[in-house]
């Protein structure tokens, strides 16, 4: 399994997009809550499961950019894309980017 990070976003290489995942329009992976800056893939297709998991499928080398982070290069494949969570007294919350 291959894992990469870009700020609060993690890319985990997986074997397949789960059955039932629906295509999602655009290439914005996540938008920062604090700044509004976006993690954006220049190529590929996005899919989202009913429980909100996001997958990126790309057949070419793909660049993921963000205004405040170094560009990440993804090799062709399928990636589970998630935001880092942080534990606090009330449970878990998303990390603000």
N, C-alpha and C. Protein backbone atom coordinates (compact mmCIF):
# COMPACT_ATOMS: atom_id res chain seq x y z
N UNK A 1 0.85 -1.18 0.00
CA UNK A 1 0.00 0.00 0.00
C UNK A 1 0.89 1.24 0.00
N UNK A 2 0.56 2.19 -0.84
CA UNK A 2 1.32 3.43 -0.96
C UNK A 2 0.48 4.57 -0.38
N UNK A 3 1.12 5.41 0.45
CA UNK A 3 0.43 6.53 1.08
C UNK A 3 1.23 7.81 0.88
N UNK A 4 0.55 8.87 0.51
CA UNK A 4 1.15 10.20 0.37
C UNK A 4 0.28 11.20 1.12
N UNK A 5 0.87 12.33 1.50
CA UNK A 5 0.13 13.39 2.19
C UNK A 5 0.37 14.73 1.51
N UNK A 6 -0.64 15.59 1.62
CA UNK A 6 -0.52 16.99 1.23
C UNK A 6 -1.28 17.77 2.30
N UNK A 7 -0.55 18.31 3.26
CA UNK A 7 -1.20 18.99 4.38
C UNK A 7 -2.08 18.02 5.13
N UNK A 8 -3.37 18.35 5.25
CA UNK A 8 -4.31 17.51 5.99
C UNK A 8 -4.95 16.42 5.13
N UNK A 9 -4.56 16.31 3.86
CA UNK A 9 -5.15 15.32 2.95
C UNK A 9 -4.19 14.16 2.74
N UNK A 10 -4.74 12.96 2.81
CA UNK A 10 -3.96 11.73 2.66
C UNK A 10 -4.46 10.96 1.43
N UNK A 11 -3.52 10.40 0.68
CA UNK A 11 -3.82 9.60 -0.51
C UNK A 11 -3.32 8.18 -0.25
N UNK A 12 -4.23 7.22 -0.25
CA UNK A 12 -3.87 5.82 -0.02
C UNK A 12 -4.21 5.04 -1.27
N UNK A 13 -3.20 4.42 -1.87
CA UNK A 13 -3.44 3.65 -3.10
C UNK A 13 -4.22 2.38 -2.76
N UNK A 14 -5.27 2.12 -3.53
CA UNK A 14 -6.13 0.96 -3.32
C UNK A 14 -6.30 0.23 -4.65
N UNK A 15 -6.91 -0.94 -4.60
CA UNK A 15 -7.06 -1.76 -5.79
C UNK A 15 -8.24 -1.38 -6.68
N UNK A 16 -9.31 -0.84 -6.07
CA UNK A 16 -10.51 -0.57 -6.86
C UNK A 16 -11.38 0.49 -6.19
N UNK A 17 -12.21 1.13 -7.00
CA UNK A 17 -13.27 1.99 -6.48
C UNK A 17 -14.37 1.05 -6.02
N UNK A 18 -14.90 1.22 -4.81
CA UNK A 18 -15.94 0.31 -4.32
C UNK A 18 -17.19 0.31 -5.20
N UNK A 19 -17.82 -0.84 -5.29
CA UNK A 19 -19.10 -0.94 -6.00
C UNK A 19 -20.08 0.03 -5.38
N UNK A 20 -20.86 0.69 -6.22
CA UNK A 20 -21.88 1.61 -5.75
C UNK A 20 -21.39 3.03 -5.55
N UNK A 21 -20.08 3.27 -5.65
CA UNK A 21 -19.58 4.64 -5.53
C UNK A 21 -20.05 5.45 -6.74
N UNK A 22 -20.53 6.65 -6.49
CA UNK A 22 -21.09 7.48 -7.56
C UNK A 22 -20.05 8.47 -8.07
N UNK A 23 -20.04 8.72 -9.37
CA UNK A 23 -19.14 9.75 -9.90
C UNK A 23 -19.45 11.10 -9.27
N UNK A 24 -18.42 11.89 -9.04
CA UNK A 24 -18.58 13.25 -8.50
C UNK A 24 -17.97 14.22 -9.51
N UNK A 25 -18.67 15.27 -9.82
CA UNK A 25 -18.20 16.25 -10.80
C UNK A 25 -17.04 17.07 -10.27
N UNK A 26 -16.21 17.54 -11.18
CA UNK A 26 -15.11 18.43 -10.83
C UNK A 26 -13.87 17.68 -10.39
N UNK A 27 -12.86 18.44 -9.98
CA UNK A 27 -11.60 17.85 -9.53
C UNK A 27 -11.13 18.43 -8.20
N UNK A 28 -12.02 19.17 -7.52
CA UNK A 28 -11.69 19.67 -6.19
C UNK A 28 -11.89 18.53 -5.20
N UNK A 29 -10.81 18.14 -4.54
CA UNK A 29 -10.88 17.05 -3.58
C UNK A 29 -11.50 17.54 -2.27
N UNK A 30 -10.88 18.56 -1.69
CA UNK A 30 -11.38 19.17 -0.46
C UNK A 30 -11.07 20.65 -0.50
N UNK A 31 -11.90 21.42 0.17
CA UNK A 31 -11.69 22.86 0.30
C UNK A 31 -11.44 23.14 1.78
N UNK A 32 -10.40 23.92 2.07
CA UNK A 32 -10.04 24.22 3.45
C UNK A 32 -11.11 25.02 4.15
N UNK A 33 -11.45 24.62 5.38
CA UNK A 33 -12.47 25.32 6.15
C UNK A 33 -12.00 26.70 6.58
N UNK A 34 -10.73 26.82 6.94
CA UNK A 34 -10.21 28.08 7.47
C UNK A 34 -9.91 29.09 6.36
N UNK A 35 -9.33 28.64 5.25
CA UNK A 35 -8.87 29.56 4.21
C UNK A 35 -9.69 29.51 2.93
N UNK A 36 -10.40 28.43 2.69
CA UNK A 36 -11.12 28.26 1.43
C UNK A 36 -10.24 27.75 0.31
N UNK A 37 -8.93 27.62 0.57
CA UNK A 37 -8.02 27.07 -0.44
C UNK A 37 -8.41 25.62 -0.72
N UNK A 38 -8.15 25.17 -1.94
CA UNK A 38 -8.61 23.85 -2.36
C UNK A 38 -7.46 22.92 -2.73
N UNK A 39 -7.64 21.63 -2.46
CA UNK A 39 -6.77 20.57 -2.96
C UNK A 39 -7.42 20.14 -4.27
N UNK A 40 -6.69 20.31 -5.39
CA UNK A 40 -7.28 20.11 -6.72
C UNK A 40 -6.40 19.17 -7.54
N UNK A 41 -7.01 18.14 -8.13
CA UNK A 41 -6.31 17.22 -9.04
C UNK A 41 -6.43 17.76 -10.45
N UNK A 42 -5.32 17.73 -11.20
CA UNK A 42 -5.38 18.25 -12.57
C UNK A 42 -5.98 17.24 -13.55
N UNK A 43 -5.99 15.97 -13.20
CA UNK A 43 -6.55 14.91 -14.04
C UNK A 43 -7.29 13.91 -13.15
N UNK A 44 -8.05 13.05 -13.78
CA UNK A 44 -8.68 11.96 -13.05
C UNK A 44 -10.17 12.14 -12.85
N UNK A 45 -10.76 11.08 -12.29
CA UNK A 45 -12.19 11.04 -12.02
C UNK A 45 -12.39 10.83 -10.53
N UNK A 46 -13.37 11.53 -9.97
CA UNK A 46 -13.70 11.38 -8.56
C UNK A 46 -14.95 10.53 -8.39
N UNK A 47 -14.97 9.75 -7.31
CA UNK A 47 -16.11 8.92 -6.95
C UNK A 47 -16.33 9.07 -5.45
N UNK A 48 -17.61 9.04 -5.04
CA UNK A 48 -17.92 9.16 -3.61
C UNK A 48 -18.89 8.05 -3.22
N UNK A 49 -18.60 7.40 -2.09
CA UNK A 49 -19.48 6.35 -1.58
C UNK A 49 -20.63 6.98 -0.80
N UNK A 50 -21.63 6.19 -0.49
CA UNK A 50 -22.78 6.68 0.27
C UNK A 50 -22.38 7.19 1.65
N UNK A 51 -21.33 6.60 2.22
CA UNK A 51 -20.88 7.04 3.54
C UNK A 51 -19.82 8.15 3.46
N UNK A 52 -19.65 8.76 2.27
CA UNK A 52 -18.82 9.94 2.13
C UNK A 52 -17.34 9.71 1.85
N UNK A 53 -16.93 8.48 1.57
CA UNK A 53 -15.53 8.23 1.23
C UNK A 53 -15.27 8.68 -0.21
N UNK A 54 -14.12 9.31 -0.42
CA UNK A 54 -13.79 9.88 -1.72
C UNK A 54 -12.66 9.07 -2.37
N UNK A 55 -12.82 8.78 -3.67
CA UNK A 55 -11.81 8.04 -4.43
C UNK A 55 -11.45 8.83 -5.68
N UNK A 56 -10.16 8.79 -6.02
CA UNK A 56 -9.65 9.41 -7.24
C UNK A 56 -9.08 8.30 -8.10
N UNK A 57 -9.57 8.20 -9.34
CA UNK A 57 -9.03 7.23 -10.30
C UNK A 57 -8.38 8.00 -11.44
N UNK A 58 -7.11 7.67 -11.71
CA UNK A 58 -6.40 8.37 -12.78
C UNK A 58 -5.60 7.37 -13.61
N UNK A 59 -5.61 7.57 -14.91
CA UNK A 59 -4.86 6.68 -15.81
C UNK A 59 -3.55 7.33 -16.25
N UNK A 60 -3.29 8.54 -15.76
CA UNK A 60 -2.06 9.27 -16.10
C UNK A 60 -1.45 9.84 -14.82
N UNK A 61 -0.18 10.21 -14.91
CA UNK A 61 0.45 10.89 -13.78
C UNK A 61 -0.37 12.15 -13.50
N UNK A 62 -0.73 12.35 -12.24
CA UNK A 62 -1.63 13.43 -11.85
C UNK A 62 -0.98 14.32 -10.80
N UNK A 63 -1.15 15.62 -10.96
CA UNK A 63 -0.64 16.60 -10.01
C UNK A 63 -1.80 17.09 -9.14
N UNK A 64 -1.58 17.10 -7.82
CA UNK A 64 -2.57 17.66 -6.91
C UNK A 64 -1.95 18.93 -6.32
N UNK A 65 -2.63 20.05 -6.54
CA UNK A 65 -2.10 21.33 -6.09
C UNK A 65 -2.93 21.91 -4.95
N UNK A 66 -2.28 22.82 -4.22
CA UNK A 66 -2.91 23.55 -3.13
C UNK A 66 -2.09 24.81 -2.93
N UNK A 67 -2.74 25.91 -2.65
CA UNK A 67 -2.06 27.20 -2.54
C UNK A 67 -0.98 27.24 -1.46
N UNK A 68 -1.11 26.43 -0.41
CA UNK A 68 -0.18 26.51 0.72
C UNK A 68 0.72 25.29 0.88
N UNK A 69 0.63 24.32 -0.03
CA UNK A 69 1.40 23.10 0.10
C UNK A 69 2.14 22.78 -1.19
N UNK A 70 3.17 21.99 -1.05
CA UNK A 70 3.91 21.50 -2.21
C UNK A 70 3.00 20.61 -3.05
N UNK A 71 3.13 20.71 -4.37
CA UNK A 71 2.34 19.87 -5.27
C UNK A 71 2.71 18.40 -5.06
N UNK A 72 1.70 17.54 -5.04
CA UNK A 72 1.89 16.10 -4.89
C UNK A 72 1.69 15.46 -6.25
N UNK A 73 2.57 14.53 -6.61
CA UNK A 73 2.47 13.79 -7.87
C UNK A 73 1.98 12.38 -7.57
N UNK A 74 0.86 12.00 -8.19
CA UNK A 74 0.30 10.66 -8.04
C UNK A 74 0.54 9.88 -9.32
N UNK A 75 1.01 8.66 -9.17
CA UNK A 75 1.17 7.76 -10.31
C UNK A 75 -0.21 7.24 -10.71
N UNK A 76 -0.37 6.76 -11.95
CA UNK A 76 -1.66 6.21 -12.36
C UNK A 76 -2.14 5.16 -11.37
N UNK A 77 -3.43 5.20 -11.07
CA UNK A 77 -4.00 4.23 -10.14
C UNK A 77 -5.27 4.77 -9.50
N UNK A 78 -5.66 4.12 -8.42
CA UNK A 78 -6.87 4.49 -7.67
C UNK A 78 -6.44 4.81 -6.25
N UNK A 79 -6.96 5.92 -5.73
CA UNK A 79 -6.58 6.39 -4.41
C UNK A 79 -7.80 6.70 -3.56
N UNK A 80 -7.79 6.24 -2.33
CA UNK A 80 -8.73 6.69 -1.32
C UNK A 80 -8.18 8.03 -0.84
N UNK A 81 -9.00 9.07 -0.87
CA UNK A 81 -8.55 10.41 -0.50
C UNK A 81 -9.31 10.80 0.77
N UNK A 82 -8.57 11.10 1.83
CA UNK A 82 -9.24 11.43 3.09
C UNK A 82 -8.57 12.62 3.76
N UNK A 83 -9.32 13.26 4.66
CA UNK A 83 -8.78 14.35 5.45
C UNK A 83 -8.39 13.83 6.81
N UNK A 84 -7.28 14.32 7.31
CA UNK A 84 -6.78 13.93 8.62
C UNK A 84 -7.77 14.39 9.69
N UNK A 85 -7.98 13.52 10.67
CA UNK A 85 -8.85 13.84 11.80
C UNK A 85 -7.99 14.03 13.03
N UNK A 86 -8.46 14.83 13.94
CA UNK A 86 -7.73 15.11 15.16
C UNK A 86 -8.64 14.83 16.35
N UNK A 87 -8.13 14.09 17.33
CA UNK A 87 -8.92 13.80 18.52
C UNK A 87 -9.00 15.03 19.41
N UNK A 88 -10.18 15.26 20.00
CA UNK A 88 -10.33 16.30 21.01
C UNK A 88 -11.26 15.76 22.09
N UNK A 89 -11.59 16.56 23.06
CA UNK A 89 -12.39 16.09 24.20
C UNK A 89 -13.79 15.64 23.81
N UNK A 90 -14.31 16.16 22.69
CA UNK A 90 -15.65 15.81 22.25
C UNK A 90 -15.66 14.70 21.21
N UNK A 91 -14.54 14.06 20.96
CA UNK A 91 -14.47 13.00 19.96
C UNK A 91 -13.43 13.32 18.92
N UNK A 92 -13.83 13.35 17.64
CA UNK A 92 -12.92 13.65 16.54
C UNK A 92 -13.45 14.82 15.74
N UNK A 93 -12.53 15.58 15.17
CA UNK A 93 -12.92 16.68 14.28
C UNK A 93 -11.92 16.72 13.13
N UNK A 94 -12.34 17.35 12.03
CA UNK A 94 -11.46 17.51 10.89
C UNK A 94 -10.38 18.52 11.25
N UNK A 95 -9.17 18.32 10.73
CA UNK A 95 -8.10 19.27 10.92
C UNK A 95 -8.32 20.41 9.95
N UNK A 96 -8.27 21.65 10.43
CA UNK A 96 -8.44 22.82 9.55
C UNK A 96 -7.16 23.07 8.79
N UNK A 97 -7.26 23.24 7.50
CA UNK A 97 -6.09 23.48 6.65
C UNK A 97 -6.00 24.95 6.33
